[in-house]
Amino acid sequence: MTALAEYEDGLDENGLPRSETMSILADPDNPKGTHTYVVDVARNWGTYALEMRQKDEAFSGENFLRSRKFMLRRVDRQPPASDSP
């Protein structure tokens, strides 16, 4: 457990090793650099659904209650109905 805590302490806010992301070897202006970083954009659909529900007027403004908790759960979708007989 201690090893895991030490490993996690070495990660930056993006979950990458801080020793690599802050290294001079990652500097894009360093001609001797060994690596760089790029950004991919992804959406966490669970978090998106939660945010949209929290914005709902039924749960905000005068209807806001600190005691209300928004519980995220997975729901499997049904396959689309076939149009063929």
PDB file of N, CA and C in Angstrom:
ATOM      1  N   MET A   1       0.817  -1.188   0.000  1.00  0.00           N
ATOM      2  CA  MET A   1       0.000   0.000   0.000  1.00  0.00           C
ATOM      3  C   MET A   1       0.870   1.264   0.000  1.00  0.00           C
ATOM      4  N   THR A   2       1.981   1.184   0.702  1.00  0.00           N
ATOM      5  CA  THR A   2       2.896   2.318   0.747  1.00  0.00           C
ATOM      6  C   THR A   2       3.471   2.604  -0.632  1.00  0.00           C
ATOM      7  N   ALA A   3       3.790   1.552  -1.371  1.00  0.00           N
ATOM      8  CA  ALA A   3       4.349   1.732  -2.716  1.00  0.00           C
ATOM      9  C   ALA A   3       3.346   2.424  -3.628  1.00  0.00           C
ATOM     10  N   LEU A   4       2.074   2.057  -3.515  1.00  0.00           N
ATOM     11  CA  LEU A   4       1.038   2.688  -4.332  1.00  0.00           C
ATOM     12  C   LEU A   4       0.913   4.164  -3.978  1.00  0.00           C
ATOM     13  N   ALA A   5       0.927   4.491  -2.699  1.00  0.00           N
ATOM     14  CA  ALA A   5       0.834   5.885  -2.266  1.00  0.00           C
ATOM     15  C   ALA A   5       2.018   6.692  -2.789  1.00  0.00           C
ATOM     16  N   GLU A   6       3.205   6.124  -2.739  1.00  0.00           N
ATOM     17  CA  GLU A   6       4.389   6.818  -3.246  1.00  0.00           C
ATOM     18  C   GLU A   6       4.293   7.027  -4.754  1.00  0.00           C
ATOM     19  N   TYR A   7       3.804   6.013  -5.465  1.00  0.00           N
ATOM     20  CA  TYR A   7       3.633   6.134  -6.913  1.00  0.00           C
ATOM     21  C   TYR A   7       2.630   7.240  -7.234  1.00  0.00           C
ATOM     22  N   GLU A   8       1.486   7.231  -6.550  1.00  0.00           N
ATOM     23  CA  GLU A   8       0.458   8.240  -6.800  1.00  0.00           C
ATOM     24  C   GLU A   8       0.947   9.641  -6.465  1.00  0.00           C
ATOM     25  N   ASP A   9       1.784   9.775  -5.449  1.00  0.00           N
ATOM     26  CA  ASP A   9       2.344  11.084  -5.092  1.00  0.00           C
ATOM     27  C   ASP A   9       3.213  11.644  -6.212  1.00  0.00           C
ATOM     28  N   GLY A  10       3.758  10.773  -7.045  1.00  0.00           N
ATOM     29  CA  GLY A  10       4.615  11.207  -8.140  1.00  0.00           C
ATOM     30  C   GLY A  10       3.861  11.539  -9.417  1.00  0.00           C
ATOM     31  N   LEU A  11       2.527  11.441  -9.383  1.00  0.00           N
ATOM     32  CA  LEU A  11       1.733  11.735 -10.572  1.00  0.00           C
ATOM     33  C   LEU A  11       1.253  13.179 -10.564  1.00  0.00           C
ATOM     34  N   ASP A  12       1.132  13.758 -11.746  1.00  0.00           N
ATOM     35  CA  ASP A  12       0.594  15.116 -11.838  1.00  0.00           C
ATOM     36  C   ASP A  12      -0.932  15.055 -11.912  1.00  0.00           C
ATOM     37  N   GLU A  13      -1.564  16.199 -12.106  1.00  0.00           N
ATOM     38  CA  GLU A  13      -3.026  16.276 -12.123  1.00  0.00           C
ATOM     39  C   GLU A  13      -3.657  15.523 -13.294  1.00  0.00           C
ATOM     40  N   ASN A  14      -2.851  15.123 -14.261  1.00  0.00           N
ATOM     41  CA  ASN A  14      -3.350  14.356 -15.405  1.00  0.00           C
ATOM     42  C   ASN A  14      -3.051  12.869 -15.282  1.00  0.00           C
ATOM     43  N   GLY A  15      -2.476  12.475 -14.161  1.00  0.00           N
ATOM     44  CA  GLY A  15      -2.169  11.068 -13.944  1.00  0.00           C
ATOM     45  C   GLY A  15      -0.886  10.606 -14.605  1.00  0.00           C
ATOM     46  N   LEU A  16      -0.068  11.544 -15.050  1.00  0.00           N
ATOM     47  CA  LEU A  16       1.207  11.217 -15.694  1.00  0.00           C
ATOM     48  C   LEU A  16       2.350  11.442 -14.707  1.00  0.00           C
ATOM     49  N   PRO A  17       3.448  10.703 -14.864  1.00  0.00           N
ATOM     50  CA  PRO A  17       4.580  10.881 -13.951  1.00  0.00           C
ATOM     51  C   PRO A  17       5.127  12.315 -14.016  1.00  0.00           C
ATOM     52  N   ARG A  18       5.116  12.979 -12.887  1.00  0.00           N
ATOM     53  CA  ARG A  18       5.595  14.361 -12.804  1.00  0.00           C
ATOM     54  C   ARG A  18       7.063  14.465 -13.218  1.00  0.00           C
ATOM     55  N   SER A  19       7.837  13.428 -12.926  1.00  0.00           N
ATOM     56  CA  SER A  19       9.258  13.446 -13.294  1.00  0.00           C
ATOM     57  C   SER A  19       9.438  13.503 -14.806  1.00  0.00           C
ATOM     58  N   GLU A  20       8.476  13.004 -15.565  1.00  0.00           N
ATOM     59  CA  GLU A  20       8.552  13.059 -17.022  1.00  0.00           C
ATOM     60  C   GLU A  20       7.930  14.340 -17.571  1.00  0.00           C
ATOM     61  N   THR A  21       6.773  14.739 -17.039  1.00  0.00           N
ATOM     62  CA  THR A  21       6.082  15.904 -17.599  1.00  0.00           C
ATOM     63  C   THR A  21       6.802  17.212 -17.291  1.00  0.00           C
ATOM     64  N   MET A  22       7.591  17.231 -16.213  1.00  0.00           N
ATOM     65  CA  MET A  22       8.305  18.453 -15.850  1.00  0.00           C
ATOM     66  C   MET A  22       9.783  18.391 -16.229  1.00  0.00           C
ATOM     67  N   SER A  23      10.167  17.333 -16.901  1.00  0.00           N
ATOM     68  CA  SER A  23      11.561  17.149 -17.297  1.00  0.00           C
ATOM     69  C   SER A  23      11.941  18.109 -18.421  1.00  0.00           C
ATOM     70  N   ILE A  24      13.188  18.541 -18.420  1.00  0.00           N
ATOM     71  CA  ILE A  24      13.721  19.357 -19.518  1.00  0.00           C
ATOM     72  C   ILE A  24      13.637  18.589 -20.833  1.00  0.00           C
ATOM     73  N   LEU A  25      13.610  17.266 -20.756  1.00  0.00           N
ATOM     74  CA  LEU A  25      13.519  16.446 -21.965  1.00  0.00           C
ATOM     75  C   LEU A  25      12.134  16.519 -22.619  1.00  0.00           C
ATOM     76  N   ALA A  26      11.153  17.054 -21.896  1.00  0.00           N
ATOM     77  CA  ALA A  26       9.807  17.211 -22.453  1.00  0.00           C
ATOM     78  C   ALA A  26       9.578  18.620 -22.998  1.00  0.00           C
ATOM     79  N   ASP A  27      10.523  19.507 -22.776  1.00  0.00           N
ATOM     80  CA  ASP A  27      10.395  20.893 -23.234  1.00  0.00           C
ATOM     81  C   ASP A  27      10.385  20.916 -24.762  1.00  0.00           C
ATOM     82  N   PRO A  28       9.301  21.415 -25.380  1.00  0.00           N
ATOM     83  CA  PRO A  28       9.241  21.426 -26.842  1.00  0.00           C
ATOM     84  C   PRO A  28      10.312  22.302 -27.486  1.00  0.00           C
ATOM     85  N   ASP A  29      10.910  23.217 -26.717  1.00  0.00           N
ATOM     86  CA  ASP A  29      11.968  24.077 -27.256  1.00  0.00           C
ATOM     87  C   ASP A  29      13.365  23.484 -27.068  1.00  0.00           C
ATOM     88  N   ASN A  30      13.449  22.335 -26.436  1.00  0.00           N
ATOM     89  CA  ASN A  30      14.742  21.688 -26.211  1.00  0.00           C
ATOM     90  C   ASN A  30      15.083  20.827 -27.429  1.00  0.00           C
ATOM     91  N   PRO A  31      16.122  21.194 -28.194  1.00  0.00           N
ATOM     92  CA  PRO A  31      16.475  20.403 -29.382  1.00  0.00           C
ATOM     93  C   PRO A  31      16.924  18.979 -29.039  1.00  0.00           C
ATOM     94  N   LYS A  32      17.320  18.752 -27.797  1.00  0.00           N
ATOM     95  CA  LYS A  32      17.726  17.410 -27.377  1.00  0.00           C
ATOM     96  C   LYS A  32      16.602  16.689 -26.631  1.00  0.00           C
ATOM     97  N   GLY A  33      15.416  17.249 -26.690  1.00  0.00           N
ATOM     98  CA  GLY A  33      14.275  16.633 -26.013  1.00  0.00           C
ATOM     99  C   GLY A  33      13.979  15.243 -26.553  1.00  0.00           C
ATOM    100  N   THR A  34      13.449  14.417 -25.695  1.00  0.00           N
ATOM    101  CA  THR A  34      13.168  13.030 -26.080  1.00  0.00           C
ATOM    102  C   THR A  34      11.686  12.748 -26.279  1.00  0.00           C
ATOM    103  N   HIS A  35      10.841  13.625 -25.776  1.00  0.00           N
ATOM    104  CA  HIS A  35       9.407  13.388 -25.895  1.00  0.00           C
ATOM    105  C   HIS A  35       8.651  14.703 -25.732  1.00  0.00           C
ATOM    106  N   THR A  36       7.400  14.678 -26.117  1.00  0.00           N
ATOM    107  CA  THR A  36       6.532  15.841 -25.964  1.00  0.00           C
ATOM    108  C   THR A  36       5.142  15.343 -25.590  1.00  0.00           C
ATOM    109  N   TYR A  37       4.212  16.244 -25.440  1.00  0.00           N
ATOM    110  CA  TYR A  37       2.854  15.868 -25.054  1.00  0.00           C
ATOM    111  C   TYR A  37       1.853  16.503 -26.002  1.00  0.00           C
ATOM    112  N   VAL A  38       0.820  15.777 -26.282  1.00  0.00           N
ATOM    113  CA  VAL A  38      -0.291  16.271 -27.086  1.00  0.00           C
ATOM    114  C   VAL A  38      -1.561  16.043 -26.276  1.00  0.00           C
ATOM    115  N   VAL A  39      -2.609  16.728 -26.659  1.00  0.00           N
ATOM    116  CA  VAL A  39      -3.872  16.636 -25.930  1.00  0.00           C
ATOM    117  C   VAL A  39      -4.923  15.968 -26.801  1.00  0.00           C
ATOM    118  N   ASP A  40      -5.552  14.955 -26.267  1.00  0.00           N
ATOM    119  CA  ASP A  40      -6.718  14.346 -26.892  1.00  0.00           C
ATOM    120  C   ASP A  40      -7.934  14.813 -26.103  1.00  0.00           C
ATOM    121  N   VAL A  41      -9.006  15.079 -26.799  1.00  0.00           N
ATOM    122  CA  VAL A  41     -10.228  15.514 -26.129  1.00  0.00           C
ATOM    123  C   VAL A  41     -11.201  14.341 -26.103  1.00  0.00           C
ATOM    124  N   ALA A  42     -11.704  14.049 -24.945  1.00  0.00           N
ATOM    125  CA  ALA A  42     -12.677  12.975 -24.780  1.00  0.00           C
ATOM    126  C   ALA A  42     -13.773  13.462 -23.841  1.00  0.00           C
ATOM    127  N   ARG A  43     -14.897  12.854 -23.934  1.00  0.00           N
ATOM    128  CA  ARG A  43     -15.999  13.224 -23.044  1.00  0.00           C
ATOM    129  C   ARG A  43     -16.358  12.026 -22.186  1.00  0.00           C
ATOM    130  N   ASN A  44     -16.461  12.265 -20.889  1.00  0.00           N
ATOM    131  CA  ASN A  44     -16.946  11.257 -19.961  1.00  0.00           C
ATOM    132  C   ASN A  44     -18.465  11.384 -19.965  1.00  0.00           C
ATOM    133  N   TRP A  45     -19.131  10.463 -20.624  1.00  0.00           N
ATOM    134  CA  TRP A  45     -20.585  10.574 -20.802  1.00  0.00           C
ATOM    135  C   TRP A  45     -21.342  10.443 -19.490  1.00  0.00           C
ATOM    136  N   GLY A  46     -20.783   9.728 -18.538  1.00  0.00           N
ATOM    137  CA  GLY A  46     -21.426   9.639 -17.231  1.00  0.00           C
ATOM    138  C   GLY A  46     -21.422  10.986 -16.527  1.00  0.00           C
ATOM    139  N   THR A  47     -20.269  11.652 -16.532  1.00  0.00           N
ATOM    140  CA  THR A  47     -20.163  12.975 -15.915  1.00  0.00           C
ATOM    141  C   THR A  47     -21.036  13.983 -16.647  1.00  0.00           C
ATOM    142  N   TYR A  48     -21.098  13.879 -17.966  1.00  0.00           N
ATOM    143  CA  TYR A  48     -21.944  14.776 -18.764  1.00  0.00           C
ATOM    144  C   TYR A  48     -23.413  14.628 -18.358  1.00  0.00           C
ATOM    145  N   ALA A  49     -23.892  13.393 -18.247  1.00  0.00           N
ATOM    146  CA  ALA A  49     -25.285  13.163 -17.856  1.00  0.00           C
ATOM    147  C   ALA A  49     -25.555  13.741 -16.471  1.00  0.00           C
ATOM    148  N   LEU A  50     -24.601  13.571 -15.571  1.00  0.00           N
ATOM    149  CA  LEU A  50     -24.738  14.101 -14.219  1.00  0.00           C
ATOM    150  C   LEU A  50     -24.809  15.624 -14.236  1.00  0.00           C
ATOM    151  N   GLU A  51     -23.934  16.266 -14.993  1.00  0.00           N
ATOM    152  CA  GLU A  51     -23.931  17.727 -15.073  1.00  0.00           C
ATOM    153  C   GLU A  51     -25.234  18.259 -15.661  1.00  0.00           C
ATOM    154  N   MET A  52     -25.733  17.617 -16.702  1.00  0.00           N
ATOM    155  CA  MET A  52     -26.975  18.069 -17.333  1.00  0.00           C
ATOM    156  C   MET A  52     -28.155  17.946 -16.370  1.00  0.00           C
ATOM    157  N   ARG A  53     -28.186  16.868 -15.605  1.00  0.00           N
ATOM    158  CA  ARG A  53     -29.279  16.681 -14.647  1.00  0.00           C
ATOM    159  C   ARG A  53     -29.189  17.712 -13.526  1.00  0.00           C
ATOM    160  N   GLN A  54     -27.990  18.025 -13.076  1.00  0.00           N
ATOM    161  CA  GLN A  54     -27.821  19.008 -12.010  1.00  0.00           C
ATOM    162  C   GLN A  54     -28.224  20.403 -12.466  1.00  0.00           C
ATOM    163  N   LYS A  55     -28.121  20.689 -13.772  1.00  0.00           N
ATOM    164  CA  LYS A  55     -28.511  21.995 -14.303  1.00  0.00           C
ATOM    165  C   LYS A  55     -30.023  22.134 -14.455  1.00  0.00           C
ATOM    166  N   ASP A  56     -30.730  21.023 -14.383  1.00  0.00           N
ATOM    167  CA  ASP A  56     -32.181  21.024 -14.557  1.00  0.00           C
ATOM    168  C   ASP A  56     -32.819  21.989 -13.553  1.00  0.00           C
ATOM    169  N   GLU A  57     -33.716  22.856 -14.035  1.00  0.00           N
ATOM    170  CA  GLU A  57     -34.371  23.842 -13.166  1.00  0.00           C
ATOM    171  C   GLU A  57     -35.141  23.189 -12.027  1.00  0.00           C
ATOM    172  N   ALA A  58     -35.569  21.953 -12.216  1.00  0.00           N
ATOM    173  CA  ALA A  58     -36.309  21.253 -11.165  1.00  0.00           C
ATOM    174  C   ALA A  58     -35.446  21.004  -9.929  1.00  0.00           C
ATOM    175  N   PHE A  59     -34.118  21.111 -10.090  1.00  0.00           N
ATOM    176  CA  PHE A  59     -33.218  20.818  -8.976  1.00  0.00           C
ATOM    177  C   PHE A  59     -32.313  21.993  -8.616  1.00  0.00           C
ATOM    178  N   SER A  60     -32.556  23.167  -9.181  1.00  0.00           N
ATOM    179  CA  SER A  60     -31.687  24.311  -8.919  1.00  0.00           C
ATOM    180  C   SER A  60     -32.509  25.498  -8.422  1.00  0.00           C
ATOM    181  N   GLY A  61     -31.823  26.598  -8.149  1.00  0.00           N
ATOM    182  CA  GLY A  61     -32.508  27.803  -7.668  1.00  0.00           C
ATOM    183  C   GLY A  61     -33.243  27.539  -6.367  1.00  0.00           C
ATOM    184  N   GLU A  62     -34.515  27.913  -6.316  1.00  0.00           N
ATOM    185  CA  GLU A  62     -35.313  27.707  -5.105  1.00  0.00           C
ATOM    186  C   GLU A  62     -35.542  26.228  -4.816  1.00  0.00           C
ATOM    187  N   ASN A  63     -35.361  25.393  -5.809  1.00  0.00           N
ATOM    188  CA  ASN A  63     -35.562  23.948  -5.636  1.00  0.00           C
ATOM    189  C   ASN A  63     -34.295  23.220  -5.190  1.00  0.00           C
ATOM    190  N   PHE A  64     -33.201  23.974  -5.012  1.00  0.00           N
ATOM    191  CA  PHE A  64     -31.939  23.353  -4.614  1.00  0.00           C
ATOM    192  C   PHE A  64     -32.027  22.846  -3.177  1.00  0.00           C
ATOM    193  N   LEU A  65     -31.592  21.630  -2.971  1.00  0.00           N
ATOM    194  CA  LEU A  65     -31.499  21.049  -1.632  1.00  0.00           C
ATOM    195  C   LEU A  65     -30.120  20.416  -1.482  1.00  0.00           C
ATOM    196  N   ARG A  66     -29.401  20.792  -0.440  1.00  0.00           N
ATOM    197  CA  ARG A  66     -28.087  20.189  -0.215  1.00  0.00           C
ATOM    198  C   ARG A  66     -28.204  18.702   0.068  1.00  0.00           C
ATOM    199  N   SER A  67     -29.347  18.303   0.606  1.00  0.00           N
ATOM    200  CA  SER A  67     -29.533  16.892   0.940  1.00  0.00           C
ATOM    201  C   SER A  67     -29.754  16.016  -0.287  1.00  0.00           C
ATOM    202  N   ARG A  68     -30.059  16.630  -1.418  1.00  0.00           N
ATOM    203  CA  ARG A  68     -30.300  15.851  -2.637  1.00  0.00           C
ATOM    204  C   ARG A  68     -28.968  15.394  -3.215  1.00  0.00           C
ATOM    205  N   LYS A  69     -28.870  14.125  -3.483  1.00  0.00           N
ATOM    206  CA  LYS A  69     -27.663  13.545  -4.073  1.00  0.00           C
ATOM    207  C   LYS A  69     -28.009  13.014  -5.455  1.00  0.00           C
ATOM    208  N   PHE A  70     -27.141  13.251  -6.394  1.00  0.00           N
ATOM    209  CA  PHE A  70     -27.322  12.771  -7.756  1.00  0.00           C
ATOM    210  C   PHE A  70     -26.509  11.488  -7.901  1.00  0.00           C
ATOM    211  N   MET A  71     -27.182  10.404  -8.139  1.00  0.00           N
ATOM    212  CA  MET A  71     -26.542   9.095  -8.216  1.00  0.00           C
ATOM    213  C   MET A  71     -26.440   8.666  -9.674  1.00  0.00           C
ATOM    214  N   LEU A  72     -25.235   8.491 -10.141  1.00  0.00           N
ATOM    215  CA  LEU A  72     -24.991   8.078 -11.518  1.00  0.00           C
ATOM    216  C   LEU A  72     -25.067   6.559 -11.598  1.00  0.00           C
ATOM    217  N   ARG A  73     -25.811   6.049 -12.570  1.00  0.00           N
ATOM    218  CA  ARG A  73     -25.896   4.607 -12.777  1.00  0.00           C
ATOM    219  C   ARG A  73     -25.957   4.310 -14.260  1.00  0.00           C
ATOM    220  N   ARG A  74     -25.504   3.148 -14.625  1.00  0.00           N
ATOM    221  CA  ARG A  74     -25.499   2.713 -16.021  1.00  0.00           C
ATOM    222  C   ARG A  74     -26.850   2.090 -16.358  1.00  0.00           C
ATOM    223  N   VAL A  75     -27.347   2.393 -17.560  1.00  0.00           N
ATOM    224  CA  VAL A  75     -28.575   1.789 -18.072  1.00  0.00           C
ATOM    225  C   VAL A  75     -28.259   1.254 -19.462  1.00  0.00           C
ATOM    226  N   ASP A  76     -28.432  -0.036 -19.666  1.00  0.00           N
ATOM    227  CA  ASP A  76     -28.190  -0.626 -20.984  1.00  0.00           C
ATOM    228  C   ASP A  76     -29.310  -0.234 -21.935  1.00  0.00           C
ATOM    229  N   ARG A  77     -28.930   0.155 -23.149  1.00  0.00           N
ATOM    230  CA  ARG A  77     -29.910   0.523 -24.168  1.00  0.00           C
ATOM    231  C   ARG A  77     -30.396  -0.720 -24.895  1.00  0.00           C
ATOM    232  N   GLN A  78     -31.619  -0.638 -25.367  1.00  0.00           N
ATOM    233  CA  GLN A  78     -32.175  -1.712 -26.182  1.00  0.00           C
ATOM    234  C   GLN A  78     -31.746  -1.484 -27.623  1.00  0.00           C
ATOM    235  N   PRO A  79     -31.465  -2.557 -28.373  1.00  0.00           N
ATOM    236  CA  PRO A  79     -31.117  -2.357 -29.780  1.00  0.00           C
ATOM    237  C   PRO A  79     -32.305  -1.769 -30.529  1.00  0.00           C
ATOM    238  N   PRO A  80     -32.047  -0.971 -31.569  1.00  0.00           N
ATOM    239  CA  PRO A  80     -33.150  -0.380 -32.319  1.00  0.00           C
ATOM    240  C   PRO A  80     -34.051  -1.469 -32.897  1.00  0.00           C
ATOM    241  N   ALA A  81     -35.341  -1.172 -32.914  1.00  0.00           N
ATOM    242  CA  ALA A  81     -36.304  -2.123 -33.475  1.00  0.00           C
ATOM    243  C   ALA A  81     -36.092  -2.230 -34.978  1.00  0.00           C
ATOM    244  N   SER A  82     -36.217  -3.415 -35.487  1.00  0.00           N
ATOM    245  CA  SER A  82     -36.058  -3.647 -36.921  1.00  0.00           C
ATOM    246  C   SER A  82     -37.347  -3.284 -37.643  1.00  0.00           C
ATOM    247  N   ASP A  83     -37.215  -2.620 -38.802  1.00  0.00           N
ATOM    248  CA  ASP A  83     -38.390  -2.242 -39.589  1.00  0.00           C
ATOM    249  C   ASP A  83     -38.882  -3.387 -40.465  1.00  0.00           C
ATOM    250  N   SER A  84     -38.074  -4.419 -40.613  1.00  0.00           N
ATOM    251  CA  SER A  84     -38.478  -5.512 -41.501  1.00  0.00           C
ATOM    252  C   SER A  84     -39.425  -6.466 -40.774  1.00  0.00           C
ATOM    253  N   PRO A  85     -40.374  -7.071 -41.523  1.00  0.00           N
ATOM    254  CA  PRO A  85     -41.363  -7.970 -40.891  1.00  0.00           C
ATOM    255  C   PRO A  85     -40.779  -9.275 -40.427  1.00  0.00           C
TER     256      PRO A  85
END
